[in-house]
């Protein structure tokens, strides 16, 4: 039986948002759950995130925004991935995102959004189930 590599998740803070405690908590939770995690650090551009996602051969990109720029930056990351023929990479996000912005973000290619109060186990379960389904496996 062939062993599967752990899912690789890139976490990124796009734009000028300097608040990274939450994304670091998510990174630790994902590592503890067996994912390989790459955290790009603060103040990344959409192009930098897409380049890193392709270079690291990730299965998913998680975006974090607390600055209010999610309506511009999250869709820009999806577009940058598409430009690199990497539009199949799962993109999810979280942060301070008003409910009224969610439909437009989903339409722009963000698969799921996690708002304040979401638990790390919700995020872990979502990634395990979604990535397994995409690979045609059981979670």
C-alpha atoms as a PDB file:
ATOM      1  CA  UNK A   1       0.000   0.000   0.000  1.00  0.00           C
ATOM      2  CA  UNK A   2       1.328   3.435  -0.988  1.00  0.00           C
ATOM      3  CA  UNK A   3       1.671   5.902   1.861  1.00  0.00           C
ATOM      4  CA  UNK A   4       0.167   9.318   1.253  1.00  0.00           C
ATOM      5  CA  UNK A   5       2.152  12.415   2.140  1.00  0.00           C
ATOM      6  CA  UNK A   6       0.562  14.753   4.655  1.00  0.00           C
ATOM      7  CA  UNK A   7      -1.557  17.505   3.185  1.00  0.00           C
ATOM      8  CA  UNK A   8       0.448  20.702   2.717  1.00  0.00           C
ATOM      9  CA  UNK A   9      -1.222  23.943   3.768  1.00  0.00           C
ATOM     10  CA  UNK A  10       0.144  27.419   3.115  1.00  0.00           C
ATOM     11  CA  UNK A  11      -1.083  30.084   5.537  1.00  0.00           C
ATOM     12  CA  UNK A  12      -0.707  33.730   4.601  1.00  0.00           C
ATOM     13  CA  UNK A  13      -1.381  37.222   5.868  1.00  0.00           C
ATOM     14  CA  UNK A  14      -2.046  39.340   2.798  1.00  0.00           C
ATOM     15  CA  UNK A  15      -1.839  43.100   2.718  1.00  0.00           C
ATOM     16  CA  UNK A  16      -0.800  45.407   5.514  1.00  0.00           C
ATOM     17  CA  UNK A  17      -2.526  43.484   8.299  1.00  0.00           C
ATOM     18  CA  UNK A  18      -0.009  43.138  11.121  1.00  0.00           C
ATOM     19  CA  UNK A  19      -2.054  40.907  13.425  1.00  0.00           C
ATOM     20  CA  UNK A  20      -0.826  37.326  13.214  1.00  0.00           C
ATOM     21  CA  UNK A  21      -1.616  35.656  16.531  1.00  0.00           C
ATOM     22  CA  UNK A  22      -4.708  33.913  15.152  1.00  0.00           C
ATOM     23  CA  UNK A  23      -2.995  32.535  12.065  1.00  0.00           C
ATOM     24  CA  UNK A  24      -0.176  31.222  14.258  1.00  0.00           C
ATOM     25  CA  UNK A  25      -2.725  29.415  16.439  1.00  0.00           C
ATOM     26  CA  UNK A  26      -4.221  27.855  13.302  1.00  0.00           C
ATOM     27  CA  UNK A  27      -0.752  26.860  12.083  1.00  0.00           C
ATOM     28  CA  UNK A  28      -0.037  25.058  15.355  1.00  0.00           C
ATOM     29  CA  UNK A  29      -3.407  23.295  15.333  1.00  0.00           C
ATOM     30  CA  UNK A  30      -2.884  22.099  11.775  1.00  0.00           C
ATOM     31  CA  UNK A  31       0.625  20.864  12.551  1.00  0.00           C
ATOM     32  CA  UNK A  32      -0.682  19.050  15.624  1.00  0.00           C
ATOM     33  CA  UNK A  33      -3.310  17.402  13.395  1.00  0.00           C
ATOM     34  CA  UNK A  34      -0.632  16.068  11.024  1.00  0.00           C
ATOM     35  CA  UNK A  35      -0.635  18.672   8.259  1.00  0.00           C
ATOM     36  CA  UNK A  36       2.542  20.161   6.851  1.00  0.00           C
ATOM     37  CA  UNK A  37       2.212  23.920   7.312  1.00  0.00           C
ATOM     38  CA  UNK A  38       4.057  26.722   5.583  1.00  0.00           C
ATOM     39  CA  UNK A  39       3.458  30.173   7.067  1.00  0.00           C
ATOM     40  CA  UNK A  40       4.560  32.990   4.787  1.00  0.00           C
ATOM     41  CA  UNK A  41       4.590  35.686   7.441  1.00  0.00           C
ATOM     42  CA  UNK A  42       3.157  39.186   7.435  1.00  0.00           C
ATOM     43  CA  UNK A  43       2.547  41.660   4.631  1.00  0.00           C
ATOM     44  CA  UNK A  44       2.398  39.305   1.669  1.00  0.00           C
ATOM     45  CA  UNK A  45       1.102  40.354  -1.741  1.00  0.00           C
ATOM     46  CA  UNK A  46      -1.322  38.091  -3.612  1.00  0.00           C
ATOM     47  CA  UNK A  47       1.449  37.341  -6.123  1.00  0.00           C
ATOM     48  CA  UNK A  48       3.859  36.362  -3.336  1.00  0.00           C
ATOM     49  CA  UNK A  49       1.258  34.009  -1.853  1.00  0.00           C
ATOM     50  CA  UNK A  50       0.544  32.391  -5.219  1.00  0.00           C
ATOM     51  CA  UNK A  51       4.251  32.001  -5.981  1.00  0.00           C
ATOM     52  CA  UNK A  52       4.846  30.350  -2.596  1.00  0.00           C
ATOM     53  CA  UNK A  53       1.834  28.053  -3.056  1.00  0.00           C
ATOM     54  CA  UNK A  54       3.153  26.827  -6.400  1.00  0.00           C
ATOM     55  CA  UNK A  55       6.754  26.502  -5.198  1.00  0.00           C
ATOM     56  CA  UNK A  56       5.697  24.574  -2.093  1.00  0.00           C
ATOM     57  CA  UNK A  57       3.262  22.339  -4.031  1.00  0.00           C
ATOM     58  CA  UNK A  58       0.502  22.923  -1.491  1.00  0.00           C
ATOM     59  CA  UNK A  59      -2.938  21.382  -1.372  1.00  0.00           C
ATOM     60  CA  UNK A  60      -4.586  24.445   0.151  1.00  0.00           C
ATOM     61  CA  UNK A  61      -4.004  28.113   0.908  1.00  0.00           C
ATOM     62  CA  UNK A  62      -5.458  29.670   4.044  1.00  0.00           C
ATOM     63  CA  UNK A  63      -5.766  33.451   4.074  1.00  0.00           C
ATOM     64  CA  UNK A  64      -6.181  35.590   7.162  1.00  0.00           C
ATOM     65  CA  UNK A  65      -7.418  39.154   7.232  1.00  0.00           C
ATOM     66  CA  UNK A  66      -8.257  41.407  10.117  1.00  0.00           C
ATOM     67  CA  UNK A  67      -7.683  44.663   8.231  1.00  0.00           C
ATOM     68  CA  UNK A  68     -10.846  44.902   6.125  1.00  0.00           C
ATOM     69  CA  UNK A  69      -9.042  44.352   2.812  1.00  0.00           C
ATOM     70  CA  UNK A  70     -10.418  40.835   2.288  1.00  0.00           C
ATOM     71  CA  UNK A  71     -12.741  41.849  -0.567  1.00  0.00           C
ATOM     72  CA  UNK A  72      -9.754  42.944  -2.638  1.00  0.00           C
ATOM     73  CA  UNK A  73      -6.977  40.651  -1.458  1.00  0.00           C
ATOM     74  CA  UNK A  74      -8.692  37.261  -1.169  1.00  0.00           C
ATOM     75  CA  UNK A  75     -10.031  37.283  -4.783  1.00  0.00           C
ATOM     76  CA  UNK A  76      -6.651  38.592  -5.959  1.00  0.00           C
ATOM     77  CA  UNK A  77      -4.932  35.513  -4.504  1.00  0.00           C
ATOM     78  CA  UNK A  78      -7.382  33.242  -6.349  1.00  0.00           C
ATOM     79  CA  UNK A  79      -6.691  35.146  -9.574  1.00  0.00           C
ATOM     80  CA  UNK A  80      -2.918  34.932  -9.093  1.00  0.00           C
ATOM     81  CA  UNK A  81      -3.206  31.172  -8.572  1.00  0.00           C
ATOM     82  CA  UNK A  82      -5.210  30.869 -11.790  1.00  0.00           C
ATOM     83  CA  UNK A  83      -2.555  32.849 -13.674  1.00  0.00           C
ATOM     84  CA  UNK A  84      -0.028  30.223 -12.579  1.00  0.00           C
ATOM     85  CA  UNK A  85      -2.253  27.304 -13.665  1.00  0.00           C
ATOM     86  CA  UNK A  86      -2.803  26.520  -9.990  1.00  0.00           C
ATOM     87  CA  UNK A  87      -6.503  27.303  -9.800  1.00  0.00           C
ATOM     88  CA  UNK A  88      -7.120  23.811  -8.446  1.00  0.00           C
ATOM     89  CA  UNK A  89      -5.508  24.719  -5.104  1.00  0.00           C
ATOM     90  CA  UNK A  90      -8.175  24.979  -2.413  1.00  0.00           C
ATOM     91  CA  UNK A  91      -8.406  28.495  -0.945  1.00  0.00           C
ATOM     92  CA  UNK A  92     -10.074  29.194   2.392  1.00  0.00           C
ATOM     93  CA  UNK A  93      -9.989  32.190   4.646  1.00  0.00           C
ATOM     94  CA  UNK A  94     -10.756  33.660   7.989  1.00  0.00           C
ATOM     95  CA  UNK A  95     -10.749  36.761  10.074  1.00  0.00           C
ATOM     96  CA  UNK A  96     -13.006  39.721  10.608  1.00  0.00           C
ATOM     97  CA  UNK A  97     -15.319  39.313   7.634  1.00  0.00           C
ATOM     98  CA  UNK A  98     -18.819  40.797   7.620  1.00  0.00           C
ATOM     99  CA  UNK A  99     -21.608  38.337   6.794  1.00  0.00           C
ATOM    100  CA  UNK A 100     -22.648  40.461   3.813  1.00  0.00           C
ATOM    101  CA  UNK A 101     -19.216  39.977   2.201  1.00  0.00           C
ATOM    102  CA  UNK A 102     -19.316  36.179   2.333  1.00  0.00           C
ATOM    103  CA  UNK A 103     -21.405  35.491  -0.823  1.00  0.00           C
ATOM    104  CA  UNK A 104     -19.095  37.610  -3.003  1.00  0.00           C
ATOM    105  CA  UNK A 105     -15.994  35.926  -1.581  1.00  0.00           C
ATOM    106  CA  UNK A 106     -17.446  32.466  -2.188  1.00  0.00           C
ATOM    107  CA  UNK A 107     -18.354  33.489  -5.747  1.00  0.00           C
ATOM    108  CA  UNK A 108     -14.776  34.714  -6.221  1.00  0.00           C
ATOM    109  CA  UNK A 109     -13.401  31.244  -5.483  1.00  0.00           C
ATOM    110  CA  UNK A 110     -12.877  31.163  -1.725  1.00  0.00           C
ATOM    111  CA  UNK A 111     -14.123  27.720  -0.685  1.00  0.00           C
ATOM    112  CA  UNK A 112     -14.950  28.482   2.941  1.00  0.00           C
ATOM    113  CA  UNK A 113     -14.625  31.297   5.464  1.00  0.00           C
ATOM    114  CA  UNK A 114     -14.067  30.965   9.190  1.00  0.00           C
ATOM    115  CA  UNK A 115     -15.245  33.844  11.335  1.00  0.00           C
ATOM    116  CA  UNK A 116     -14.431  34.763  14.937  1.00  0.00           C
ATOM    117  CA  UNK A 117     -15.553  31.944  17.194  1.00  0.00           C
ATOM    118  CA  UNK A 118     -14.631  29.174  14.757  1.00  0.00           C
ATOM    119  CA  UNK A 119     -12.714  26.434  16.520  1.00  0.00           C
ATOM    120  CA  UNK A 120      -9.451  24.945  15.394  1.00  0.00           C
ATOM    121  CA  UNK A 121     -11.136  21.538  15.243  1.00  0.00           C
ATOM    122  CA  UNK A 122     -13.692  22.936  12.759  1.00  0.00           C
ATOM    123  CA  UNK A 123     -10.857  24.068  10.513  1.00  0.00           C
ATOM    124  CA  UNK A 124      -8.958  20.791  10.863  1.00  0.00           C
ATOM    125  CA  UNK A 125     -12.088  18.734  10.122  1.00  0.00           C
ATOM    126  CA  UNK A 126     -12.981  20.916   7.138  1.00  0.00           C
ATOM    127  CA  UNK A 127      -9.526  20.505   5.608  1.00  0.00           C
ATOM    128  CA  UNK A 128      -9.330  16.764   6.219  1.00  0.00           C
ATOM    129  CA  UNK A 129     -12.791  16.150   4.762  1.00  0.00           C
ATOM    130  CA  UNK A 130     -12.508  18.554   1.831  1.00  0.00           C
ATOM    131  CA  UNK A 131      -9.014  17.536   0.764  1.00  0.00           C
ATOM    132  CA  UNK A 132      -9.823  13.838   1.121  1.00  0.00           C
ATOM    133  CA  UNK A 133     -12.959  14.278  -0.995  1.00  0.00           C
ATOM    134  CA  UNK A 134     -10.952  16.098  -3.659  1.00  0.00           C
ATOM    135  CA  UNK A 135      -8.464  13.220  -3.687  1.00  0.00           C
ATOM    136  CA  UNK A 136     -11.255  10.626  -3.762  1.00  0.00           C
ATOM    137  CA  UNK A 137     -10.364   9.234  -0.349  1.00  0.00           C
ATOM    138  CA  UNK A 138     -11.969   8.853   3.042  1.00  0.00           C
ATOM    139  CA  UNK A 139     -11.089  11.504   5.613  1.00  0.00           C
END
